[in-house]
Amino acid sequence: MSKTQVLTPENSQLIFIDHQPQMAFGVQSMDRQTLKNNTVALAKSAKIFDIPTIITTVETEAFSGHTYPELLDVFPDTPLLERTSMNSWDDQKVRDALAQGAAEGRKKVVVSGLWTEVCNATFALSCMEDTDYEIYMVADASGGTSVEAHNYAMDRMVQAGVVPVTWQQVLLEWQRDWARRDTYDAVMDLVREHSGAYGMGVDYAYTMVHKAPSRSTHSGPRHDAVPATPIAAE
């Protein structure tokens, strides 16, 4: 497998590392609500394309708290692989889950986690040291304790061979061709919900150009403009 080969639904697997409240509290590299939006969007992307997905957590009851409900709602039946180590690669359950995907030809491992400079970096470096897996680090669905911590960790990983990506890049690489109608509508729905200006643009094009109905369930009346009557001076 080569890093010049694009991500596909057939060659990819995904791991979420420690998307838990206590870890998110420490994130200072980006807006935390944006981080959650991007993480959930990545999860929904994987769901659309049936990407095998691993969720691993650290010290849930003792320190870190429970994984984002919004993330768990996307994968309600996915096992949560609990760890004590900051480095997910130290846990045999995680290795076994990744190996199962790799045995199916899924050696491109897409990673989203907290924090970039600790849990993400140690996992990526250790995994690549021991295997021939390729790591694709989703930079905007991962966060560090400062902008510098996140950026330098990304730099270190890239120097070691990690491929930096964004969640939307991953989504559109998996889709690849708009003629793939079996996933087209789901991708467009995801984009409109999570992709900011891009999603707003899709909504505008659907309703104003193609005259599709609004996706809102709003049923209240819309009142025409009524110029206010000037108030007479006393």
C-alpha atoms as a PDB file:
ATOM      1  CA  MET A   1       0.000   0.000   0.000  1.00  0.00           C
ATOM      2  CA  SER A   2       1.221   3.491  -0.861  1.00  0.00           C
ATOM      3  CA  LYS A   3       0.554   6.914   0.643  1.00  0.00           C
ATOM      4  CA  THR A   4      -0.087   8.170  -2.885  1.00  0.00           C
ATOM      5  CA  GLN A   5      -3.122   5.882  -2.993  1.00  0.00           C
ATOM      6  CA  VAL A   6      -6.147   7.874  -1.893  1.00  0.00           C
ATOM      7  CA  LEU A   7      -8.369   6.854   0.972  1.00  0.00           C
ATOM      8  CA  THR A   8     -11.220   4.564  -0.044  1.00  0.00           C
ATOM      9  CA  PRO A   9     -13.996   2.843   1.887  1.00  0.00           C
ATOM     10  CA  GLU A  10     -12.178  -0.416   1.233  1.00  0.00           C
ATOM     11  CA  ASN A  11      -8.659   0.486   2.433  1.00  0.00           C
ATOM     12  CA  SER A  12      -9.509   2.536   5.543  1.00  0.00           C
ATOM     13  CA  GLN A  13     -10.315   2.003   9.176  1.00  0.00           C
ATOM     14  CA  LEU A  14     -10.873   4.662  11.845  1.00  0.00           C
ATOM     15  CA  ILE A  15      -9.940   5.048  15.493  1.00  0.00           C
ATOM     16  CA  PHE A  16     -11.247   7.635  17.957  1.00  0.00           C
ATOM     17  CA  ILE A  17      -8.947   8.129  20.940  1.00  0.00           C
ATOM     18  CA  ASP A  18     -10.119   9.636  24.241  1.00  0.00           C
ATOM     19  CA  HIS A  19     -12.886  11.979  23.110  1.00  0.00           C
ATOM     20  CA  GLN A  20     -13.884  12.462  26.734  1.00  0.00           C
ATOM     21  CA  PRO A  21     -14.799  15.596  28.728  1.00  0.00           C
ATOM     22  CA  GLN A  22     -11.721  15.825  30.947  1.00  0.00           C
ATOM     23  CA  MET A  23      -9.486  15.561  27.910  1.00  0.00           C
ATOM     24  CA  ALA A  24     -11.545  18.135  26.010  1.00  0.00           C
ATOM     25  CA  PHE A  25     -11.335  20.573  28.939  1.00  0.00           C
ATOM     26  CA  GLY A  26      -7.591  20.823  28.358  1.00  0.00           C
ATOM     27  CA  VAL A  27      -7.822  21.581  24.638  1.00  0.00           C
ATOM     28  CA  GLN A  28      -6.641  25.086  23.781  1.00  0.00           C
ATOM     29  CA  SER A  29      -5.562  24.607  20.172  1.00  0.00           C
ATOM     30  CA  MET A  30      -9.023  25.200  18.690  1.00  0.00           C
ATOM     31  CA  ASP A  31     -12.577  26.019  19.680  1.00  0.00           C
ATOM     32  CA  ARG A  32     -13.897  22.999  21.553  1.00  0.00           C
ATOM     33  CA  GLN A  33     -17.381  23.133  20.082  1.00  0.00           C
ATOM     34  CA  THR A  34     -15.833  23.146  16.605  1.00  0.00           C
ATOM     35  CA  LEU A  35     -13.682  20.203  17.658  1.00  0.00           C
ATOM     36  CA  LYS A  36     -16.768  18.248  18.731  1.00  0.00           C
ATOM     37  CA  ASN A  37     -18.597  19.181  15.515  1.00  0.00           C
ATOM     38  CA  ASN A  38     -15.692  17.920  13.420  1.00  0.00           C
ATOM     39  CA  THR A  39     -15.315  14.736  15.441  1.00  0.00           C
ATOM     40  CA  VAL A  40     -18.983  13.841  15.139  1.00  0.00           C
ATOM     41  CA  ALA A  41     -18.916  14.725  11.438  1.00  0.00           C
ATOM     42  CA  LEU A  42     -15.997  12.353  10.928  1.00  0.00           C
ATOM     43  CA  ALA A  43     -17.914   9.632  12.774  1.00  0.00           C
ATOM     44  CA  LYS A  44     -20.977  10.147  10.593  1.00  0.00           C
ATOM     45  CA  SER A  45     -18.746  10.049   7.518  1.00  0.00           C
ATOM     46  CA  ALA A  46     -17.446   6.652   8.573  1.00  0.00           C
ATOM     47  CA  LYS A  47     -21.001   5.451   9.192  1.00  0.00           C
ATOM     48  CA  ILE A  48     -22.047   6.419   5.659  1.00  0.00           C
ATOM     49  CA  PHE A  49     -19.241   4.403   4.101  1.00  0.00           C
ATOM     50  CA  ASP A  50     -19.282   1.462   6.547  1.00  0.00           C
ATOM     51  CA  ILE A  51     -15.741   2.136   7.734  1.00  0.00           C
ATOM     52  CA  PRO A  52     -14.722  -0.164  10.621  1.00  0.00           C
ATOM     53  CA  THR A  53     -14.448   2.138  13.623  1.00  0.00           C
ATOM     54  CA  ILE A  54     -12.695   1.726  16.959  1.00  0.00           C
ATOM     55  CA  ILE A  55     -13.481   3.857  20.013  1.00  0.00           C
ATOM     56  CA  THR A  56     -10.943   3.706  22.803  1.00  0.00           C
ATOM     57  CA  THR A  57     -11.102   5.483  26.152  1.00  0.00           C
ATOM     58  CA  VAL A  58      -8.794   6.087  29.080  1.00  0.00           C
ATOM     59  CA  GLU A  59      -9.701   5.947  32.783  1.00  0.00           C
ATOM     60  CA  THR A  60     -13.371   6.705  32.091  1.00  0.00           C
ATOM     61  CA  GLU A  61     -14.642   6.304  35.649  1.00  0.00           C
ATOM     62  CA  ALA A  62     -11.531   7.486  37.491  1.00  0.00           C
ATOM     63  CA  PHE A  63     -10.649  10.639  35.548  1.00  0.00           C
ATOM     64  CA  SER A  64     -11.670  11.308  31.957  1.00  0.00           C
ATOM     65  CA  GLY A  65     -15.451  10.908  31.947  1.00  0.00           C
ATOM     66  CA  HIS A  66     -17.687   9.348  29.352  1.00  0.00           C
ATOM     67  CA  THR A  67     -17.198   9.654  25.589  1.00  0.00           C
ATOM     68  CA  TYR A  68     -19.218  12.415  23.888  1.00  0.00           C
ATOM     69  CA  PRO A  69     -22.844  11.250  23.709  1.00  0.00           C
ATOM     70  CA  GLU A  70     -23.043  12.618  20.174  1.00  0.00           C
ATOM     71  CA  LEU A  71     -20.208  10.319  19.125  1.00  0.00           C
ATOM     72  CA  LEU A  72     -21.659   7.287  20.873  1.00  0.00           C
ATOM     73  CA  ASP A  73     -25.022   7.929  19.233  1.00  0.00           C
ATOM     74  CA  VAL A  74     -23.407   7.398  15.828  1.00  0.00           C
ATOM     75  CA  PHE A  75     -22.030   4.014  16.932  1.00  0.00           C
ATOM     76  CA  PRO A  76     -24.383   2.823  19.678  1.00  0.00           C
ATOM     77  CA  ASP A  77     -23.235  -0.808  19.478  1.00  0.00           C
ATOM     78  CA  THR A  78     -19.485  -0.254  19.095  1.00  0.00           C
ATOM     79  CA  PRO A  79     -17.431  -1.612  22.024  1.00  0.00           C
ATOM     80  CA  LEU A  80     -15.530   0.932  24.097  1.00  0.00           C
ATOM     81  CA  LEU A  81     -11.950  -0.237  24.515  1.00  0.00           C
ATOM     82  CA  GLU A  82     -10.887   0.992  27.946  1.00  0.00           C
ATOM     83  CA  ARG A  83      -7.195   1.570  28.728  1.00  0.00           C
ATOM     84  CA  THR A  84      -4.853   2.715  31.472  1.00  0.00           C
ATOM     85  CA  SER A  85      -2.024   3.748  29.140  1.00  0.00           C
ATOM     86  CA  MET A  86      -1.894   7.130  27.453  1.00  0.00           C
ATOM     87  CA  ASN A  87      -0.569   5.282  24.409  1.00  0.00           C
ATOM     88  CA  SER A  88      -3.370   3.243  22.823  1.00  0.00           C
ATOM     89  CA  TRP A  89      -0.821   1.003  21.148  1.00  0.00           C
ATOM     90  CA  ASP A  90       0.074  -0.373  24.585  1.00  0.00           C
ATOM     91  CA  ASP A  91      -3.347  -2.005  24.853  1.00  0.00           C
ATOM     92  CA  GLN A  92      -3.751  -5.437  23.252  1.00  0.00           C
ATOM     93  CA  LYS A  93      -7.462  -4.920  22.565  1.00  0.00           C
ATOM     94  CA  VAL A  94      -6.637  -1.922  20.382  1.00  0.00           C
ATOM     95  CA  ARG A  95      -3.903  -3.806  18.541  1.00  0.00           C
ATOM     96  CA  ASP A  96      -6.230  -6.727  17.912  1.00  0.00           C
ATOM     97  CA  ALA A  97      -9.009  -4.504  16.583  1.00  0.00           C
ATOM     98  CA  LEU A  98      -6.636  -2.760  14.200  1.00  0.00           C
ATOM     99  CA  ALA A  99      -5.151  -6.064  13.103  1.00  0.00           C
ATOM    100  CA  GLN A 100      -8.605  -7.330  12.203  1.00  0.00           C
ATOM    101  CA  GLY A 101      -9.089  -4.381   9.862  1.00  0.00           C
ATOM    102  CA  ALA A 102      -5.586  -4.736   8.441  1.00  0.00           C
ATOM    103  CA  ALA A 103      -6.271  -8.391   7.657  1.00  0.00           C
ATOM    104  CA  GLU A 104      -9.074  -7.153   5.397  1.00  0.00           C
ATOM    105  CA  GLY A 105      -6.661  -4.845   3.566  1.00  0.00           C
ATOM    106  CA  ARG A 106      -7.479  -1.786   5.681  1.00  0.00           C
ATOM    107  CA  LYS A 107      -3.962  -0.606   6.484  1.00  0.00           C
ATOM    108  CA  LYS A 108      -4.767   3.098   6.218  1.00  0.00           C
ATOM    109  CA  VAL A 109      -5.659   4.055   9.784  1.00  0.00           C
ATOM    110  CA  VAL A 110      -7.519   7.350  10.155  1.00  0.00           C
ATOM    111  CA  VAL A 111      -7.016   8.843  13.635  1.00  0.00           C
ATOM    112  CA  SER A 112      -8.944  11.436  15.656  1.00  0.00           C
ATOM    113  CA  GLY A 113      -8.042  11.978  19.277  1.00  0.00           C
ATOM    114  CA  LEU A 114      -7.137  14.009  22.343  1.00  0.00           C
ATOM    115  CA  TRP A 115      -4.513  15.222  22.955  1.00  0.00           C
ATOM    116  CA  THR A 116      -2.530  15.559  19.764  1.00  0.00           C
ATOM    117  CA  GLU A 117       0.823  15.792  21.526  1.00  0.00           C
ATOM    118  CA  VAL A 118       0.288  12.803  23.810  1.00  0.00           C
ATOM    119  CA  CYS A 119      -2.291  10.169  22.935  1.00  0.00           C
ATOM    120  CA  ASN A 120      -2.255  10.789  19.189  1.00  0.00           C
ATOM    121  CA  ALA A 121       1.480  11.167  18.739  1.00  0.00           C
ATOM    122  CA  THR A 122       2.522   8.199  20.875  1.00  0.00           C
ATOM    123  CA  PHE A 123      -0.037   5.939  19.223  1.00  0.00           C
ATOM    124  CA  ALA A 124       0.956   6.999  15.709  1.00  0.00           C
ATOM    125  CA  LEU A 125       4.696   6.628  16.251  1.00  0.00           C
ATOM    126  CA  SER A 126       4.422   3.311  18.084  1.00  0.00           C
ATOM    127  CA  CYS A 127       1.982   1.832  15.592  1.00  0.00           C
ATOM    128  CA  MET A 128       4.170   2.740  12.621  1.00  0.00           C
ATOM    129  CA  GLU A 129       7.271   1.444  14.398  1.00  0.00           C
ATOM    130  CA  ASP A 130       5.733  -2.000  14.824  1.00  0.00           C
ATOM    131  CA  THR A 131       3.616  -2.407  11.677  1.00  0.00           C
ATOM    132  CA  ASP A 132       3.277  -1.407   8.039  1.00  0.00           C
ATOM    133  CA  TYR A 133       0.061   0.525   8.724  1.00  0.00           C
ATOM    134  CA  GLU A 134      -0.248   4.071   7.384  1.00  0.00           C
ATOM    135  CA  ILE A 135      -1.519   6.752   9.773  1.00  0.00           C
ATOM    136  CA  TYR A 136      -3.781   9.573   8.606  1.00  0.00           C
ATOM    137  CA  MET A 137      -4.096  12.148  11.401  1.00  0.00           C
ATOM    138  CA  VAL A 138      -7.296  14.216  11.264  1.00  0.00           C
ATOM    139  CA  ALA A 139      -5.874  17.535  12.434  1.00  0.00           C
ATOM    140  CA  ASP A 140      -9.177  19.381  12.826  1.00  0.00           C
ATOM    141  CA  ALA A 141     -10.797  16.515  14.752  1.00  0.00           C
ATOM    142  CA  SER A 142      -7.900  16.379  17.224  1.00  0.00           C
ATOM    143  CA  GLY A 143      -6.814  18.918  19.800  1.00  0.00           C
ATOM    144  CA  GLY A 144      -3.822  19.818  21.942  1.00  0.00           C
ATOM    145  CA  THR A 145      -3.266  21.756  25.135  1.00  0.00           C
ATOM    146  CA  SER A 146      -2.024  24.765  23.159  1.00  0.00           C
ATOM    147  CA  VAL A 147      -1.699  25.798  19.533  1.00  0.00           C
ATOM    148  CA  GLU A 148       2.038  25.137  19.792  1.00  0.00           C
ATOM    149  CA  ALA A 149       1.525  21.714  21.371  1.00  0.00           C
ATOM    150  CA  HIS A 150      -0.838  20.662  18.587  1.00  0.00           C
ATOM    151  CA  ASN A 151       1.248  22.099  15.756  1.00  0.00           C
ATOM    152  CA  TYR A 152       4.594  20.752  16.923  1.00  0.00           C
ATOM    153  CA  ALA A 153       3.050  17.330  17.528  1.00  0.00           C
ATOM    154  CA  MET A 154       1.647  17.385  13.994  1.00  0.00           C
ATOM    155  CA  ASP A 155       5.076  18.423  12.695  1.00  0.00           C
ATOM    156  CA  ARG A 156       6.781  15.608  14.576  1.00  0.00           C
ATOM    157  CA  MET A 157       4.327  13.046  13.252  1.00  0.00           C
ATOM    158  CA  VAL A 158       4.544  14.320   9.682  1.00  0.00           C
ATOM    159  CA  GLN A 159       8.346  14.091   9.838  1.00  0.00           C
ATOM    160  CA  ALA A 160       7.913  10.450  10.857  1.00  0.00           C
ATOM    161  CA  GLY A 161       5.580   9.729   7.939  1.00  0.00           C
ATOM    162  CA  VAL A 162       2.090  10.462   9.275  1.00  0.00           C
ATOM    163  CA  VAL A 163      -0.259  11.985   6.686  1.00  0.00           C
ATOM    164  CA  PRO A 164      -2.131  15.094   7.918  1.00  0.00           C
ATOM    165  CA  VAL A 165      -5.752  15.414   6.786  1.00  0.00           C
ATOM    166  CA  THR A 166      -9.007  17.167   7.725  1.00  0.00           C
ATOM    167  CA  TRP A 167     -12.348  15.507   8.373  1.00  0.00           C
ATOM    168  CA  GLN A 168     -13.974  16.912   5.252  1.00  0.00           C
ATOM    169  CA  GLN A 169     -11.019  15.846   3.152  1.00  0.00           C
ATOM    170  CA  VAL A 170     -11.511  12.293   4.436  1.00  0.00           C
ATOM    171  CA  LEU A 171     -15.252  12.406   3.698  1.00  0.00           C
ATOM    172  CA  LEU A 172     -14.798  13.604   0.135  1.00  0.00           C
ATOM    173  CA  GLU A 173     -11.957  11.183  -0.541  1.00  0.00           C
ATOM    174  CA  TRP A 174     -14.241   8.342   0.484  1.00  0.00           C
ATOM    175  CA  GLN A 175     -17.018   9.708  -1.762  1.00  0.00           C
ATOM    176  CA  ARG A 176     -14.632  10.524  -4.627  1.00  0.00           C
ATOM    177  CA  ASP A 177     -17.263  10.633  -7.377  1.00  0.00           C
ATOM    178  CA  TRP A 178     -20.622  12.416  -7.226  1.00  0.00           C
ATOM    179  CA  ALA A 179     -21.984   9.748  -9.557  1.00  0.00           C
ATOM    180  CA  ARG A 180     -21.895   7.340  -6.608  1.00  0.00           C
ATOM    181  CA  ARG A 181     -25.554   7.864  -5.845  1.00  0.00           C
ATOM    182  CA  ASP A 182     -25.801   5.267  -3.067  1.00  0.00           C
ATOM    183  CA  THR A 183     -23.937   7.611  -0.695  1.00  0.00           C
ATOM    184  CA  TYR A 184     -24.587  10.969  -2.383  1.00  0.00           C
ATOM    185  CA  ASP A 185     -27.677  12.013  -0.422  1.00  0.00           C
ATOM    186  CA  ALA A 186     -26.188  11.004   2.932  1.00  0.00           C
ATOM    187  CA  VAL A 187     -22.997  12.938   2.182  1.00  0.00           C
ATOM    188  CA  MET A 188     -24.993  16.026   1.216  1.00  0.00           C
ATOM    189  CA  ASP A 189     -27.076  15.768   4.390  1.00  0.00           C
ATOM    190  CA  LEU A 190     -23.883  15.517   6.443  1.00  0.00           C
ATOM    191  CA  VAL A 191     -22.307  18.471   4.671  1.00  0.00           C
ATOM    192  CA  ARG A 192     -25.368  20.638   5.268  1.00  0.00           C
ATOM    193  CA  GLU A 193     -25.375  19.780   8.961  1.00  0.00           C
ATOM    194  CA  HIS A 194     -21.664  20.014   9.773  1.00  0.00           C
ATOM    195  CA  SER A 195     -19.731  21.829   7.038  1.00  0.00           C
ATOM    196  CA  GLY A 196     -20.368  25.477   7.852  1.00  0.00           C
ATOM    197  CA  ALA A 197     -20.224  27.744   4.819  1.00  0.00           C
ATOM    198  CA  TYR A 198     -20.007  24.790   2.423  1.00  0.00           C
ATOM    199  CA  GLY A 199     -23.185  23.329   3.907  1.00  0.00           C
ATOM    200  CA  MET A 200     -24.945  26.693   3.757  1.00  0.00           C
ATOM    201  CA  GLY A 201     -23.974  26.919   0.107  1.00  0.00           C
ATOM    202  CA  VAL A 202     -25.466  23.491  -0.570  1.00  0.00           C
ATOM    203  CA  ASP A 203     -28.703  24.525   1.163  1.00  0.00           C
ATOM    204  CA  TYR A 204     -28.821  27.710  -0.913  1.00  0.00           C
ATOM    205  CA  ALA A 205     -28.216  25.848  -4.174  1.00  0.00           C
ATOM    206  CA  TYR A 206     -30.864  23.235  -3.386  1.00  0.00           C
ATOM    207  CA  THR A 207     -33.580  25.718  -2.427  1.00  0.00           C
ATOM    208  CA  MET A 208     -32.853  28.818  -4.513  1.00  0.00           C
ATOM    209  CA  VAL A 209     -31.368  27.324  -7.688  1.00  0.00           C
ATOM    210  CA  HIS A 210     -32.985  23.895  -7.861  1.00  0.00           C
ATOM    211  CA  LYS A 211     -36.169  24.982  -6.042  1.00  0.00           C
ATOM    212  CA  ALA A 212     -36.080  22.080  -3.604  1.00  0.00           C
ATOM    213  CA  PRO A 213     -38.123  22.522  -0.423  1.00  0.00           C
ATOM    214  CA  SER A 214     -36.314  23.643   2.706  1.00  0.00           C
ATOM    215  CA  ARG A 215     -35.129  20.771   4.901  1.00  0.00           C
ATOM    216  CA  SER A 216     -36.557  22.601   7.910  1.00  0.00           C
ATOM    217  CA  THR A 217     -39.748  21.286   9.484  1.00  0.00           C
ATOM    218  CA  HIS A 218     -40.852  24.827  10.295  1.00  0.00           C
ATOM    219  CA  SER A 219     -44.591  25.136   9.633  1.00  0.00           C
ATOM    220  CA  GLY A 220     -45.390  28.601  10.916  1.00  0.00           C
ATOM    221  CA  PRO A 221     -46.619  31.336   8.573  1.00  0.00           C
ATOM    222  CA  ARG A 222     -44.348  33.877   6.932  1.00  0.00           C
ATOM    223  CA  HIS A 223     -45.757  37.397   7.075  1.00  0.00           C
ATOM    224  CA  ASP A 224     -44.977  39.862   4.306  1.00  0.00           C
ATOM    225  CA  ALA A 225     -43.158  43.063   5.113  1.00  0.00           C
ATOM    226  CA  VAL A 226     -45.340  45.896   6.449  1.00  0.00           C
ATOM    227  CA  PRO A 227     -43.796  49.390   6.426  1.00  0.00           C
ATOM    228  CA  ALA A 228     -44.199  51.018   9.811  1.00  0.00           C
ATOM    229  CA  THR A 229     -46.510  54.039  10.012  1.00  0.00           C
ATOM    230  CA  PRO A 230     -44.532  57.200  10.753  1.00  0.00           C
ATOM    231  CA  ILE A 231     -45.149  58.540  14.231  1.00  0.00           C
ATOM    232  CA  ALA A 232     -46.468  62.059  14.071  1.00  0.00           C
ATOM    233  CA  ALA A 233     -44.376  64.634  15.906  1.00  0.00           C
ATOM    234  CA  GLU A 234     -46.117  66.234  18.901  1.00  0.00           C
END
